[in-house]
Amino acid sequence: MKISILGAGNVGSALGAGWAKHGHEVVFGARDPGKNVPGPNVKVLSVAEAARFSGVVVLAVPWNAVPDAIRSAGDLTGKIILDATNPLLPDLSGLDPQAQPSGGEKVASLAGVPVVKIFNTTGYPNMADPDYNGERATMFYCGDDPNAKSIARGLADDLGFEPVDAGPLSQARLLEPLALLWITLALKQGFGVNIAFKLMRR
């Protein structure tokens, strides 16, 4: 599958490396393609060129860069967006009150195409390795388009996550605070980044 990742930071780089290992063809879109190269043999294009490359566009930029990234992507008709962003305040103390009712729904309103909120509830080390002693970390996702959700689920499974459908895109209102909880536990409560959420069943 062809995948376009907008953003060549830690999250985008980890996702791209994982998918490339599974045979997916990945390109990155960056504001400055010559400067933002996440690794050797990695194709970095302008945001518009990357968005044109495939029907699956992963949004992995800082929250304050989201409007510009979507605008720079150009016509997104016929594509789906996998939204890995979180509307975090700069000091990580909470969520941006301007992102109402959720960041995922804001992305959908800006892009005008199907959006799946996914890859936002954990840190990039888990994108690279979601295995915990033989248990797969849970990756929650939500969206309104069944086909887009099926693609998202498959890509999460490829990375080694246990994908769990959390419902419609409005559930991003719950997944984004869950991301903030992970950040707080990892960075402020001293647990470190090698932690992950797991949905237990019996």
N, C-alpha and C. Protein backbone atom coordinates (compact mmCIF):
# COMPACT_ATOMS: atom_id res chain seq x y z
N MET A 1 0.83 -1.19 0.00
CA MET A 1 0.00 0.00 0.00
C MET A 1 0.88 1.25 0.00
N LYS A 2 0.45 2.26 -0.72
CA LYS A 2 1.13 3.55 -0.70
C LYS A 2 0.59 4.38 0.46
N ILE A 3 1.52 4.99 1.22
CA ILE A 3 1.14 5.78 2.39
C ILE A 3 1.92 7.09 2.36
N SER A 4 1.21 8.18 2.58
CA SER A 4 1.83 9.50 2.69
C SER A 4 1.78 9.94 4.14
N ILE A 5 2.92 10.32 4.69
CA ILE A 5 2.98 10.80 6.07
C ILE A 5 3.35 12.26 6.06
N LEU A 6 2.46 13.10 6.55
CA LEU A 6 2.75 14.53 6.67
C LEU A 6 3.36 14.77 8.03
N GLY A 7 4.64 15.08 8.04
CA GLY A 7 5.39 15.23 9.28
C GLY A 7 6.47 14.19 9.37
N ALA A 8 7.71 14.64 9.55
CA ALA A 8 8.85 13.72 9.59
C ALA A 8 9.52 13.73 10.96
N GLY A 9 8.72 13.95 12.00
CA GLY A 9 9.24 13.93 13.37
C GLY A 9 9.27 12.51 13.91
N ASN A 10 9.32 12.41 15.25
CA ASN A 10 9.47 11.10 15.89
C ASN A 10 8.32 10.15 15.57
N VAL A 11 7.09 10.63 15.67
CA VAL A 11 5.93 9.77 15.43
C VAL A 11 5.87 9.33 13.97
N GLY A 12 5.94 10.29 13.06
CA GLY A 12 5.88 9.97 11.64
C GLY A 12 7.00 9.04 11.21
N SER A 13 8.21 9.29 11.73
CA SER A 13 9.36 8.46 11.36
C SER A 13 9.19 7.03 11.84
N ALA A 14 8.69 6.87 13.08
CA ALA A 14 8.50 5.52 13.62
C ALA A 14 7.43 4.77 12.85
N LEU A 15 6.34 5.44 12.53
CA LEU A 15 5.28 4.80 11.75
C LEU A 15 5.79 4.41 10.37
N GLY A 16 6.48 5.32 9.71
CA GLY A 16 6.98 5.04 8.37
C GLY A 16 7.96 3.89 8.33
N ALA A 17 8.86 3.84 9.30
CA ALA A 17 9.84 2.75 9.35
C ALA A 17 9.15 1.41 9.54
N GLY A 18 8.14 1.38 10.41
CA GLY A 18 7.42 0.13 10.66
C GLY A 18 6.67 -0.35 9.44
N TRP A 19 6.01 0.57 8.75
CA TRP A 19 5.26 0.16 7.56
C TRP A 19 6.18 -0.25 6.42
N ALA A 20 7.31 0.43 6.29
CA ALA A 20 8.26 0.07 5.23
C ALA A 20 8.75 -1.37 5.43
N LYS A 21 8.91 -1.79 6.68
CA LYS A 21 9.35 -3.16 6.96
C LYS A 21 8.31 -4.18 6.49
N HIS A 22 7.06 -3.76 6.41
CA HIS A 22 6.00 -4.66 5.99
C HIS A 22 5.66 -4.49 4.51
N GLY A 23 6.53 -3.83 3.78
CA GLY A 23 6.38 -3.76 2.34
C GLY A 23 5.55 -2.62 1.82
N HIS A 24 5.10 -1.71 2.70
CA HIS A 24 4.35 -0.56 2.24
C HIS A 24 5.30 0.48 1.65
N GLU A 25 4.81 1.22 0.69
CA GLU A 25 5.60 2.27 0.05
C GLU A 25 5.27 3.59 0.72
N VAL A 26 6.24 4.15 1.43
CA VAL A 26 5.99 5.32 2.27
C VAL A 26 6.77 6.53 1.77
N VAL A 27 6.11 7.66 1.72
CA VAL A 27 6.79 8.93 1.47
C VAL A 27 6.40 9.89 2.58
N PHE A 28 7.28 10.85 2.83
CA PHE A 28 7.02 11.87 3.83
C PHE A 28 6.80 13.22 3.16
N GLY A 29 5.94 14.02 3.76
CA GLY A 29 5.74 15.39 3.31
C GLY A 29 6.20 16.34 4.39
N ALA A 30 7.03 17.30 4.03
CA ALA A 30 7.58 18.25 5.00
C ALA A 30 7.61 19.64 4.40
N ARG A 31 7.51 20.63 5.27
CA ARG A 31 7.56 22.02 4.81
C ARG A 31 8.89 22.32 4.13
N ASP A 32 9.97 21.76 4.68
CA ASP A 32 11.31 21.93 4.10
C ASP A 32 11.88 20.55 3.83
N PRO A 33 11.59 19.97 2.65
CA PRO A 33 12.00 18.58 2.37
C PRO A 33 13.49 18.32 2.50
N GLY A 34 14.31 19.31 2.20
CA GLY A 34 15.75 19.11 2.27
C GLY A 34 16.28 19.05 3.68
N LYS A 35 15.55 19.61 4.61
CA LYS A 35 16.02 19.69 6.00
C LYS A 35 15.45 18.57 6.87
N ASN A 36 14.23 18.14 6.58
CA ASN A 36 13.54 17.17 7.43
C ASN A 36 13.63 15.76 6.85
N VAL A 37 14.78 15.14 6.97
CA VAL A 37 14.98 13.79 6.45
C VAL A 37 15.14 12.83 7.62
N PRO A 38 14.16 11.95 7.86
CA PRO A 38 14.19 11.10 9.05
C PRO A 38 15.14 9.91 9.01
N GLY A 39 15.76 9.65 7.86
CA GLY A 39 16.70 8.53 7.80
C GLY A 39 17.18 8.30 6.39
N PRO A 40 18.16 7.39 6.21
CA PRO A 40 18.67 7.09 4.87
C PRO A 40 17.61 6.37 4.04
N ASN A 41 17.70 6.57 2.74
CA ASN A 41 16.79 5.91 1.80
C ASN A 41 15.32 6.23 2.07
N VAL A 42 15.08 7.41 2.60
CA VAL A 42 13.72 7.87 2.89
C VAL A 42 13.36 8.99 1.92
N LYS A 43 12.21 8.87 1.30
CA LYS A 43 11.78 9.85 0.31
C LYS A 43 10.99 10.96 0.99
N VAL A 44 11.49 12.18 0.95
CA VAL A 44 10.82 13.33 1.55
C VAL A 44 10.47 14.32 0.44
N LEU A 45 9.19 14.63 0.34
CA LEU A 45 8.67 15.53 -0.68
C LEU A 45 8.06 16.76 -0.01
N SER A 46 7.59 17.68 -0.83
CA SER A 46 6.79 18.77 -0.27
C SER A 46 5.48 18.17 0.23
N VAL A 47 4.77 18.91 1.06
CA VAL A 47 3.51 18.42 1.60
C VAL A 47 2.53 18.11 0.47
N ALA A 48 2.43 18.99 -0.51
CA ALA A 48 1.50 18.78 -1.62
C ALA A 48 1.88 17.56 -2.44
N GLU A 49 3.16 17.39 -2.72
CA GLU A 49 3.61 16.23 -3.51
C GLU A 49 3.34 14.93 -2.76
N ALA A 50 3.60 14.93 -1.47
CA ALA A 50 3.37 13.73 -0.67
C ALA A 50 1.89 13.38 -0.63
N ALA A 51 1.05 14.38 -0.46
CA ALA A 51 -0.39 14.13 -0.39
C ALA A 51 -0.92 13.54 -1.69
N ARG A 52 -0.35 13.94 -2.80
CA ARG A 52 -0.78 13.41 -4.10
C ARG A 52 -0.33 11.97 -4.31
N PHE A 53 0.65 11.52 -3.57
CA PHE A 53 1.28 10.22 -3.78
C PHE A 53 0.35 9.05 -3.51
N SER A 54 -0.55 9.18 -2.54
CA SER A 54 -1.37 8.04 -2.16
C SER A 54 -2.76 8.46 -1.71
N GLY A 55 -3.59 7.46 -1.48
CA GLY A 55 -4.94 7.72 -0.98
C GLY A 55 -5.03 7.70 0.53
N VAL A 56 -3.93 7.33 1.19
CA VAL A 56 -3.89 7.28 2.65
C VAL A 56 -2.89 8.32 3.14
N VAL A 57 -3.39 9.31 3.84
CA VAL A 57 -2.56 10.43 4.32
C VAL A 57 -2.55 10.40 5.84
N VAL A 58 -1.37 10.26 6.41
CA VAL A 58 -1.22 10.23 7.87
C VAL A 58 -0.81 11.62 8.32
N LEU A 59 -1.57 12.18 9.24
CA LEU A 59 -1.29 13.51 9.76
C LEU A 59 -0.51 13.35 11.07
N ALA A 60 0.78 13.69 11.03
CA ALA A 60 1.67 13.49 12.18
C ALA A 60 2.51 14.73 12.41
N VAL A 61 1.83 15.86 12.51
CA VAL A 61 2.51 17.14 12.75
C VAL A 61 2.07 17.68 14.10
N PRO A 62 2.81 18.65 14.67
CA PRO A 62 2.34 19.29 15.90
C PRO A 62 0.98 19.94 15.68
N TRP A 63 0.21 20.05 16.75
CA TRP A 63 -1.16 20.55 16.63
C TRP A 63 -1.21 21.93 15.98
N ASN A 64 -0.29 22.80 16.33
CA ASN A 64 -0.35 24.16 15.77
C ASN A 64 -0.02 24.21 14.28
N ALA A 65 0.50 23.09 13.74
CA ALA A 65 0.83 23.03 12.32
C ALA A 65 -0.26 22.35 11.50
N VAL A 66 -1.33 21.88 12.15
CA VAL A 66 -2.37 21.12 11.45
C VAL A 66 -3.05 21.94 10.36
N PRO A 67 -3.55 23.15 10.63
CA PRO A 67 -4.23 23.89 9.56
C PRO A 67 -3.34 24.13 8.34
N ASP A 68 -2.08 24.47 8.58
CA ASP A 68 -1.18 24.72 7.46
C ASP A 68 -0.88 23.45 6.69
N ALA A 69 -0.74 22.33 7.39
CA ALA A 69 -0.47 21.05 6.71
C ALA A 69 -1.63 20.66 5.82
N ILE A 70 -2.86 20.80 6.32
CA ILE A 70 -4.03 20.44 5.51
C ILE A 70 -4.18 21.39 4.33
N ARG A 71 -3.95 22.66 4.57
CA ARG A 71 -4.04 23.63 3.49
C ARG A 71 -2.97 23.36 2.43
N SER A 72 -1.75 23.06 2.87
CA SER A 72 -0.64 22.82 1.95
C SER A 72 -0.82 21.52 1.16
N ALA A 73 -1.59 20.58 1.71
CA ALA A 73 -1.79 19.30 1.04
C ALA A 73 -2.60 19.45 -0.24
N GLY A 74 -3.39 20.50 -0.34
CA GLY A 74 -4.18 20.73 -1.54
C GLY A 74 -5.45 19.91 -1.56
N ASP A 75 -5.89 19.53 -2.73
CA ASP A 75 -7.15 18.81 -2.90
C ASP A 75 -7.01 17.38 -2.36
N LEU A 76 -7.79 17.07 -1.34
CA LEU A 76 -7.73 15.76 -0.71
C LEU A 76 -8.90 14.86 -1.10
N THR A 77 -9.64 15.26 -2.10
CA THR A 77 -10.81 14.49 -2.53
C THR A 77 -10.43 13.04 -2.83
N GLY A 78 -11.21 12.10 -2.30
CA GLY A 78 -10.97 10.69 -2.54
C GLY A 78 -9.96 10.06 -1.61
N LYS A 79 -9.37 10.83 -0.71
CA LYS A 79 -8.37 10.30 0.21
C LYS A 79 -8.96 10.11 1.60
N ILE A 80 -8.24 9.40 2.45
CA ILE A 80 -8.59 9.32 3.86
C ILE A 80 -7.42 9.85 4.68
N ILE A 81 -7.74 10.38 5.84
CA ILE A 81 -6.71 10.89 6.74
C ILE A 81 -6.69 10.05 8.00
N LEU A 82 -5.51 9.59 8.37
CA LEU A 82 -5.29 8.96 9.67
C LEU A 82 -4.67 10.02 10.56
N ASP A 83 -5.43 10.45 11.55
CA ASP A 83 -5.04 11.59 12.37
C ASP A 83 -4.33 11.12 13.64
N ALA A 84 -3.01 11.33 13.67
CA ALA A 84 -2.20 10.94 14.82
C ALA A 84 -1.89 12.12 15.73
N THR A 85 -2.56 13.23 15.53
CA THR A 85 -2.26 14.43 16.29
C THR A 85 -3.06 14.48 17.59
N ASN A 86 -2.60 15.36 18.49
CA ASN A 86 -3.33 15.67 19.72
C ASN A 86 -3.29 17.18 19.94
N PRO A 87 -4.42 17.77 20.31
CA PRO A 87 -4.47 19.23 20.50
C PRO A 87 -3.89 19.64 21.86
N LEU A 88 -2.60 19.44 22.01
CA LEU A 88 -1.94 19.68 23.29
C LEU A 88 -1.54 21.14 23.44
N LEU A 89 -1.63 21.64 24.66
CA LEU A 89 -1.06 22.94 24.97
C LEU A 89 0.46 22.82 24.93
N PRO A 90 1.17 23.91 24.64
CA PRO A 90 2.63 23.83 24.48
C PRO A 90 3.36 23.25 25.70
N ASP A 91 2.84 23.48 26.91
CA ASP A 91 3.51 22.97 28.11
C ASP A 91 2.99 21.60 28.54
N LEU A 92 2.15 20.99 27.69
CA LEU A 92 1.60 19.65 27.94
C LEU A 92 0.73 19.59 29.20
N SER A 93 0.20 20.74 29.62
CA SER A 93 -0.61 20.78 30.84
C SER A 93 -2.07 20.44 30.59
N GLY A 94 -2.46 20.35 29.33
CA GLY A 94 -3.85 20.06 29.01
C GLY A 94 -4.08 20.10 27.52
N LEU A 95 -5.36 20.07 27.14
CA LEU A 95 -5.75 20.11 25.74
C LEU A 95 -6.20 21.52 25.38
N ASP A 96 -5.95 21.91 24.15
CA ASP A 96 -6.28 23.23 23.65
C ASP A 96 -7.80 23.43 23.67
N PRO A 97 -8.31 24.40 24.43
CA PRO A 97 -9.76 24.59 24.48
C PRO A 97 -10.36 25.03 23.15
N GLN A 98 -9.51 25.47 22.23
CA GLN A 98 -10.00 25.86 20.91
C GLN A 98 -10.32 24.65 20.03
N ALA A 99 -9.82 23.48 20.42
CA ALA A 99 -10.04 22.27 19.62
C ALA A 99 -11.33 21.60 20.09
N GLN A 100 -12.43 22.21 19.75
CA GLN A 100 -13.74 21.70 20.18
C GLN A 100 -14.56 21.28 18.97
N PRO A 101 -15.33 20.18 19.10
CA PRO A 101 -15.43 19.31 20.27
C PRO A 101 -14.25 18.35 20.45
N SER A 102 -13.42 18.18 19.40
CA SER A 102 -12.20 17.39 19.51
C SER A 102 -11.27 17.77 18.37
N GLY A 103 -9.99 17.43 18.54
CA GLY A 103 -9.05 17.68 17.46
C GLY A 103 -9.37 16.88 16.22
N GLY A 104 -9.78 15.63 16.41
CA GLY A 104 -10.11 14.77 15.26
C GLY A 104 -11.26 15.33 14.44
N GLU A 105 -12.28 15.83 15.13
CA GLU A 105 -13.42 16.41 14.41
C GLU A 105 -13.03 17.73 13.75
N LYS A 106 -12.11 18.46 14.37
CA LYS A 106 -11.60 19.69 13.76
C LYS A 106 -10.85 19.37 12.47
N VAL A 107 -10.04 18.32 12.51
CA VAL A 107 -9.31 17.88 11.30
C VAL A 107 -10.29 17.53 10.21
N ALA A 108 -11.34 16.80 10.55
CA ALA A 108 -12.34 16.40 9.54
C ALA A 108 -13.01 17.62 8.93
N SER A 109 -13.31 18.63 9.74
CA SER A 109 -13.97 19.82 9.21
C SER A 109 -13.04 20.61 8.30
N LEU A 110 -11.75 20.61 8.61
CA LEU A 110 -10.78 21.32 7.78
C LEU A 110 -10.50 20.59 6.48
N ALA A 111 -10.45 19.25 6.54
CA ALA A 111 -10.04 18.46 5.37
C ALA A 111 -11.20 18.11 4.47
N GLY A 112 -12.38 17.91 5.03
CA GLY A 112 -13.54 17.55 4.22
C GLY A 112 -13.51 16.15 3.65
N VAL A 113 -12.75 15.26 4.27
CA VAL A 113 -12.65 13.86 3.83
C VAL A 113 -12.74 12.97 5.07
N PRO A 114 -12.94 11.64 4.88
CA PRO A 114 -13.01 10.75 6.03
C PRO A 114 -11.73 10.78 6.87
N VAL A 115 -11.92 10.84 8.17
CA VAL A 115 -10.80 10.90 9.12
C VAL A 115 -10.93 9.78 10.14
N VAL A 116 -9.82 9.11 10.43
CA VAL A 116 -9.76 8.15 11.52
C VAL A 116 -8.75 8.66 12.53
N LYS A 117 -9.19 8.82 13.76
CA LYS A 117 -8.26 9.17 14.84
C LYS A 117 -7.57 7.89 15.31
N ILE A 118 -6.25 7.85 15.17
CA ILE A 118 -5.46 6.65 15.50
C ILE A 118 -4.01 7.05 15.67
N PHE A 119 -3.24 6.22 16.35
CA PHE A 119 -1.81 6.45 16.60
C PHE A 119 -1.57 7.71 17.42
N ASN A 120 -2.52 8.06 18.27
CA ASN A 120 -2.37 9.27 19.07
C ASN A 120 -2.31 9.00 20.57
N THR A 121 -2.58 7.75 21.01
CA THR A 121 -2.73 7.49 22.43
C THR A 121 -1.50 6.88 23.09
N THR A 122 -0.38 6.91 22.40
CA THR A 122 0.85 6.38 22.97
C THR A 122 2.04 7.10 22.36
N GLY A 123 3.23 6.86 22.88
CA GLY A 123 4.41 7.55 22.39
C GLY A 123 5.10 6.83 21.25
N TYR A 124 6.00 7.53 20.60
CA TYR A 124 6.63 6.97 19.40
C TYR A 124 7.47 5.72 19.68
N PRO A 125 8.06 5.52 20.89
CA PRO A 125 8.77 4.25 21.10
C PRO A 125 7.85 3.04 20.93
N ASN A 126 6.58 3.20 21.28
CA ASN A 126 5.64 2.09 21.10
C ASN A 126 5.22 1.92 19.65
N MET A 127 5.33 2.96 18.84
CA MET A 127 5.09 2.81 17.40
C MET A 127 6.15 1.88 16.81
N ALA A 128 7.37 2.02 17.32
CA ALA A 128 8.47 1.19 16.82
C ALA A 128 8.40 -0.23 17.36
N ASP A 129 7.89 -0.39 18.58
CA ASP A 129 7.83 -1.72 19.19
C ASP A 129 6.69 -1.77 20.21
N PRO A 130 5.50 -2.24 19.79
CA PRO A 130 4.37 -2.32 20.70
C PRO A 130 4.26 -3.64 21.46
N ASP A 131 5.32 -4.44 21.42
CA ASP A 131 5.29 -5.75 22.09
C ASP A 131 5.74 -5.61 23.55
N TYR A 132 4.92 -6.13 24.46
CA TYR A 132 5.24 -6.13 25.88
C TYR A 132 5.20 -7.57 26.38
N ASN A 133 6.38 -8.20 26.35
CA ASN A 133 6.50 -9.58 26.82
C ASN A 133 5.46 -10.50 26.17
N GLY A 134 5.31 -10.36 24.86
CA GLY A 134 4.39 -11.20 24.12
C GLY A 134 2.97 -10.69 24.04
N GLU A 135 2.67 -9.59 24.72
CA GLU A 135 1.36 -8.95 24.66
C GLU A 135 1.44 -7.73 23.77
N ARG A 136 0.43 -7.57 22.92
CA ARG A 136 0.41 -6.42 22.01
C ARG A 136 -0.27 -5.24 22.69
N ALA A 137 0.37 -4.09 22.66
CA ALA A 137 -0.26 -2.88 23.19
C ALA A 137 -1.52 -2.58 22.39
N THR A 138 -2.52 -2.04 23.06
CA THR A 138 -3.78 -1.71 22.40
C THR A 138 -3.66 -0.38 21.67
N MET A 139 -4.19 -0.33 20.47
CA MET A 139 -4.29 0.92 19.72
C MET A 139 -5.76 1.19 19.45
N PHE A 140 -6.33 2.14 20.18
CA PHE A 140 -7.71 2.56 19.96
C PHE A 140 -7.79 3.44 18.72
N TYR A 141 -8.91 3.32 18.01
CA TYR A 141 -9.13 4.19 16.86
C TYR A 141 -10.62 4.46 16.75
N CYS A 142 -10.95 5.56 16.07
CA CYS A 142 -12.36 5.89 15.89
C CYS A 142 -12.53 6.66 14.59
N GLY A 143 -13.72 6.55 14.02
CA GLY A 143 -14.01 7.22 12.75
C GLY A 143 -15.42 6.88 12.30
N ASP A 144 -15.86 7.58 11.27
CA ASP A 144 -17.23 7.40 10.77
C ASP A 144 -17.31 6.60 9.48
N ASP A 145 -16.18 6.43 8.79
CA ASP A 145 -16.18 5.76 7.49
C ASP A 145 -15.66 4.33 7.64
N PRO A 146 -16.49 3.31 7.35
CA PRO A 146 -16.07 1.91 7.56
C PRO A 146 -14.82 1.53 6.77
N ASN A 147 -14.72 1.98 5.52
CA ASN A 147 -13.55 1.62 4.72
C ASN A 147 -12.28 2.24 5.30
N ALA A 148 -12.37 3.51 5.69
CA ALA A 148 -11.21 4.18 6.28
C ALA A 148 -10.79 3.49 7.57
N LYS A 149 -11.75 3.06 8.37
CA LYS A 149 -11.44 2.39 9.63
C LYS A 149 -10.80 1.02 9.37
N SER A 150 -11.24 0.33 8.33
CA SER A 150 -10.66 -0.96 7.99
C SER A 150 -9.19 -0.81 7.60
N ILE A 151 -8.88 0.22 6.84
CA ILE A 151 -7.49 0.49 6.44
C ILE A 151 -6.65 0.83 7.67
N ALA A 152 -7.20 1.68 8.53
CA ALA A 152 -6.48 2.07 9.74
C ALA A 152 -6.19 0.86 10.62
N ARG A 153 -7.19 0.01 10.76
CA ARG A 153 -7.04 -1.19 11.58
C ARG A 153 -5.92 -2.08 11.03
N GLY A 154 -5.92 -2.27 9.72
CA GLY A 154 -4.89 -3.11 9.11
C GLY A 154 -3.49 -2.56 9.30
N LEU A 155 -3.35 -1.25 9.21
CA LEU A 155 -2.03 -0.63 9.36
C LEU A 155 -1.57 -0.70 10.82
N ALA A 156 -2.50 -0.59 11.77
CA ALA A 156 -2.13 -0.76 13.17
C ALA A 156 -1.70 -2.19 13.45
N ASP A 157 -2.41 -3.13 12.86
CA ASP A 157 -2.07 -4.54 13.02
C ASP A 157 -0.69 -4.84 12.43
N ASP A 158 -0.38 -4.24 11.29
CA ASP A 158 0.93 -4.43 10.68
C ASP A 158 2.06 -4.02 11.62
N LEU A 159 1.84 -2.97 12.38
CA LEU A 159 2.87 -2.49 13.30
C LEU A 159 3.01 -3.36 14.54
N GLY A 160 2.02 -4.23 14.77
CA GLY A 160 2.08 -5.11 15.92
C GLY A 160 1.15 -4.74 17.05
N PHE A 161 0.32 -3.71 16.85
CA PHE A 161 -0.66 -3.32 17.86
C PHE A 161 -1.86 -4.26 17.85
N GLU A 162 -2.61 -4.24 18.93
CA GLU A 162 -3.95 -4.83 18.97
C GLU A 162 -4.92 -3.69 18.68
N PRO A 163 -5.49 -3.62 17.47
CA PRO A 163 -6.40 -2.51 17.16
C PRO A 163 -7.76 -2.73 17.82
N VAL A 164 -8.31 -1.67 18.40
CA VAL A 164 -9.62 -1.73 19.05
C VAL A 164 -10.46 -0.56 18.56
N ASP A 165 -11.60 -0.89 17.95
CA ASP A 165 -12.52 0.11 17.42
C ASP A 165 -13.26 0.78 18.59
N ALA A 166 -13.04 2.07 18.76
CA ALA A 166 -13.67 2.81 19.85
C ALA A 166 -14.96 3.51 19.44
N GLY A 167 -15.36 3.34 18.15
CA GLY A 167 -16.63 3.92 17.74
C GLY A 167 -16.48 5.04 16.72
N PRO A 168 -17.46 5.95 16.67
CA PRO A 168 -17.44 7.04 15.70
C PRO A 168 -16.38 8.08 16.01
N LEU A 169 -16.18 9.00 15.08
CA LEU A 169 -15.12 10.00 15.23
C LEU A 169 -15.33 10.86 16.48
N SER A 170 -16.57 11.00 16.92
CA SER A 170 -16.82 11.79 18.13
C SER A 170 -16.10 11.21 19.35
N GLN A 171 -15.70 9.94 19.28
CA GLN A 171 -14.96 9.33 20.38
C GLN A 171 -13.54 9.88 20.50
N ALA A 172 -13.13 10.66 19.51
CA ALA A 172 -11.85 11.37 19.66
C ALA A 172 -11.87 12.26 20.88
N ARG A 173 -13.05 12.65 21.32
CA ARG A 173 -13.18 13.46 22.53
C ARG A 173 -12.71 12.70 23.76
N LEU A 174 -12.67 11.37 23.67
CA LEU A 174 -12.16 10.54 24.75
C LEU A 174 -10.73 10.09 24.50
N LEU A 175 -10.38 9.83 23.25
CA LEU A 175 -9.04 9.32 22.94
C LEU A 175 -7.97 10.39 23.12
N GLU A 176 -8.31 11.64 22.88
CA GLU A 176 -7.31 12.70 23.06
C GLU A 176 -6.97 12.92 24.54
N PRO A 177 -7.94 12.94 25.46
CA PRO A 177 -7.56 12.97 26.88
C PRO A 177 -6.79 11.71 27.32
N LEU A 178 -7.09 10.57 26.69
CA LEU A 178 -6.33 9.36 27.00
C LEU A 178 -4.86 9.54 26.62
N ALA A 179 -4.63 10.22 25.51
CA ALA A 179 -3.25 10.53 25.12
C ALA A 179 -2.58 11.41 26.16
N LEU A 180 -3.32 12.37 26.68
CA LEU A 180 -2.77 13.26 27.71
C LEU A 180 -2.44 12.47 28.97
N LEU A 181 -3.26 11.49 29.31
CA LEU A 181 -2.96 10.63 30.45
C LEU A 181 -1.65 9.88 30.24
N TRP A 182 -1.46 9.32 29.03
CA TRP A 182 -0.21 8.60 28.74
C TRP A 182 0.98 9.55 28.91
N ILE A 183 0.86 10.75 28.36
CA ILE A 183 1.95 11.73 28.44
C ILE A 183 2.25 12.08 29.90
N THR A 184 1.20 12.29 30.68
CA THR A 184 1.38 12.65 32.09
C THR A 184 2.07 11.53 32.87
N LEU A 185 1.60 10.29 32.64
CA LEU A 185 2.23 9.16 33.33
C LEU A 185 3.69 8.99 32.91
N ALA A 186 3.94 9.09 31.61
CA ALA A 186 5.28 8.84 31.09
C ALA A 186 6.27 9.93 31.48
N LEU A 187 5.85 11.18 31.33
CA LEU A 187 6.79 12.29 31.45
C LEU A 187 6.74 13.03 32.78
N LYS A 188 5.60 13.02 33.44
CA LYS A 188 5.49 13.80 34.67
C LYS A 188 5.40 12.94 35.93
N GLN A 189 4.91 11.72 35.78
CA GLN A 189 4.80 10.83 36.94
C GLN A 189 5.95 9.84 37.05
N GLY A 190 6.89 9.93 36.11
CA GLY A 190 8.11 9.15 36.23
C GLY A 190 8.06 7.72 35.73
N PHE A 191 7.00 7.34 35.02
CA PHE A 191 6.92 5.97 34.52
C PHE A 191 7.82 5.74 33.30
N GLY A 192 8.17 6.80 32.59
CA GLY A 192 8.98 6.65 31.39
C GLY A 192 8.15 6.25 30.19
N VAL A 193 8.77 6.22 29.03
CA VAL A 193 8.03 6.04 27.79
C VAL A 193 7.73 4.58 27.45
N ASN A 194 8.30 3.66 28.18
CA ASN A 194 8.05 2.25 27.90
C ASN A 194 6.84 1.75 28.69
N ILE A 195 5.73 2.42 28.48
CA ILE A 195 4.45 2.02 29.06
C ILE A 195 3.41 2.07 27.94
N ALA A 196 2.36 1.29 28.09
CA ALA A 196 1.32 1.26 27.07
C ALA A 196 0.00 0.84 27.70
N PHE A 197 -1.09 1.22 27.07
CA PHE A 197 -2.42 0.81 27.50
C PHE A 197 -2.77 -0.55 26.91
N LYS A 198 -3.51 -1.34 27.69
CA LYS A 198 -3.93 -2.66 27.22
C LYS A 198 -5.38 -2.89 27.65
N LEU A 199 -6.23 -3.18 26.68
CA LEU A 199 -7.61 -3.55 26.97
C LEU A 199 -7.66 -5.01 27.36
N MET A 200 -8.11 -5.29 28.57
CA MET A 200 -8.14 -6.66 29.07
C MET A 200 -9.54 -7.23 28.93
N ARG A 201 -9.63 -8.53 28.66
CA ARG A 201 -10.92 -9.21 28.49
C ARG A 201 -10.94 -10.52 29.29
N ARG A 202 -12.13 -10.91 29.73
CA ARG A 202 -12.32 -12.25 30.31
C ARG A 202 -13.79 -12.65 30.25
